[in-house]
Amino acid sequence: MIVPLFSMILRFLFFVFLFYVLFKLVFDFIIPLYRTTRKVKQGFREMHQKMQEQQGTDAYQQAAQTNGSTQSKPAPLGDYIDFEEVKD
């Protein structure tokens, strides 16, 4: 009589422990991981969208400068002379 009761109590405690572990896993690991992943993806999407907008405005400005300018390319200033520091 005592053995089946003890077995039922142990079984109940095992399922309570299992439920607790699953609960902690879901609410302390899986849900925060999901939220963080979603925020990071949203940040990357926003960054990508801003980059696309910036490239679009840069291309528009370059096209406007190329089409709107009647001047030729500026003349080169001269040869580049490499600077070397002379030690005494």
Protein backbone atom coordinates (compact mmCIF):
# COMPACT_ATOMS: atom_id res chain seq x y z
CA MET A 1 0.00 0.00 0.00
CA ILE A 2 2.82 2.42 0.80
CA VAL A 3 4.86 1.53 -2.29
CA PRO A 4 2.14 2.48 -4.82
CA LEU A 5 1.46 5.73 -2.95
CA PHE A 6 5.17 6.57 -2.89
CA SER A 7 5.40 5.73 -6.59
CA MET A 8 2.48 8.03 -7.39
CA ILE A 9 4.04 10.86 -5.40
CA LEU A 10 7.37 10.45 -7.16
CA ARG A 11 5.63 10.35 -10.51
CA PHE A 12 3.68 13.51 -9.66
CA LEU A 13 6.87 15.28 -8.55
CA PHE A 14 8.62 14.21 -11.73
CA PHE A 15 5.85 15.71 -13.89
CA VAL A 16 5.82 18.89 -11.82
CA PHE A 17 9.58 19.18 -12.24
CA LEU A 18 9.30 18.48 -15.98
CA PHE A 19 6.58 21.11 -16.35
CA TYR A 20 8.73 23.62 -14.42
CA VAL A 21 11.78 22.97 -16.61
CA LEU A 22 9.73 23.34 -19.80
CA PHE A 23 8.12 26.51 -18.47
CA LYS A 24 11.51 28.04 -17.64
CA LEU A 25 12.91 26.98 -21.00
CA VAL A 26 10.08 28.59 -22.92
CA PHE A 27 9.77 31.82 -20.94
CA ASP A 28 13.43 32.40 -20.08
CA PHE A 29 15.10 31.24 -23.28
CA ILE A 30 12.88 30.67 -26.31
CA ILE A 31 10.65 33.77 -26.07
CA PRO A 32 13.55 36.22 -25.38
CA LEU A 33 15.53 34.61 -28.20
CA TYR A 34 12.58 35.03 -30.57
CA ARG A 35 12.09 38.69 -29.58
CA THR A 36 15.78 39.48 -29.94
CA THR A 37 15.96 37.80 -33.34
CA ARG A 38 12.92 39.74 -34.50
CA LYS A 39 14.42 43.07 -33.33
CA VAL A 40 17.75 42.34 -35.02
CA LYS A 41 16.02 41.45 -38.29
CA GLN A 42 13.95 44.63 -38.10
CA GLY A 43 17.12 46.65 -37.49
CA PHE A 44 18.81 45.09 -40.51
CA ARG A 45 15.74 45.79 -42.65
CA GLU A 46 15.71 49.44 -41.57
CA MET A 47 19.44 49.77 -42.21
CA HIS A 48 19.08 48.19 -45.63
CA GLN A 49 16.20 50.50 -46.47
CA LYS A 50 18.19 53.58 -45.39
CA MET A 51 21.13 52.38 -47.48
CA GLN A 52 18.87 51.95 -50.51
CA GLU A 53 17.45 55.45 -50.01
CA GLN A 54 20.94 56.91 -49.62
CA GLN A 55 22.18 55.17 -52.76
CA GLY A 56 19.12 56.41 -54.62
CA THR A 57 19.71 60.02 -53.58
CA ASP A 58 23.43 59.72 -54.36
CA ALA A 59 22.69 58.36 -57.83
CA TYR A 60 20.12 61.13 -58.39
CA GLN A 61 22.61 63.81 -57.31
CA GLN A 62 25.35 62.37 -59.52
CA ALA A 63 22.99 62.25 -62.48
CA ALA A 64 21.91 65.83 -61.86
CA GLN A 65 25.52 66.99 -61.64
CA THR A 66 26.50 65.12 -64.79
CA ASN A 67 23.52 66.31 -66.82
CA GLY A 68 23.41 69.83 -65.41
CA SER A 69 27.07 70.76 -65.62
CA THR A 70 28.42 72.27 -68.80
CA GLN A 71 31.94 72.63 -67.47
CA SER A 72 34.62 70.14 -68.32
CA LYS A 73 36.54 68.14 -65.78
CA PRO A 74 38.91 70.19 -63.64
CA ALA A 75 42.53 70.11 -64.70
CA PRO A 76 44.84 67.99 -62.59
CA LEU A 77 46.88 69.97 -60.09
CA GLY A 78 50.14 68.26 -60.86
CA ASP A 79 52.23 65.29 -59.95
CA TYR A 80 52.07 63.86 -56.50
CA ILE A 81 55.28 64.17 -54.53
CA ASP A 82 55.72 61.70 -51.74
CA PHE A 83 56.77 63.27 -48.47
CA GLU A 84 59.51 61.63 -46.50
CA GLU A 85 60.61 62.76 -43.12
CA VAL A 86 64.35 63.38 -42.93
CA LYS A 87 65.96 62.62 -39.60
CA ASP A 88 69.12 64.40 -38.49
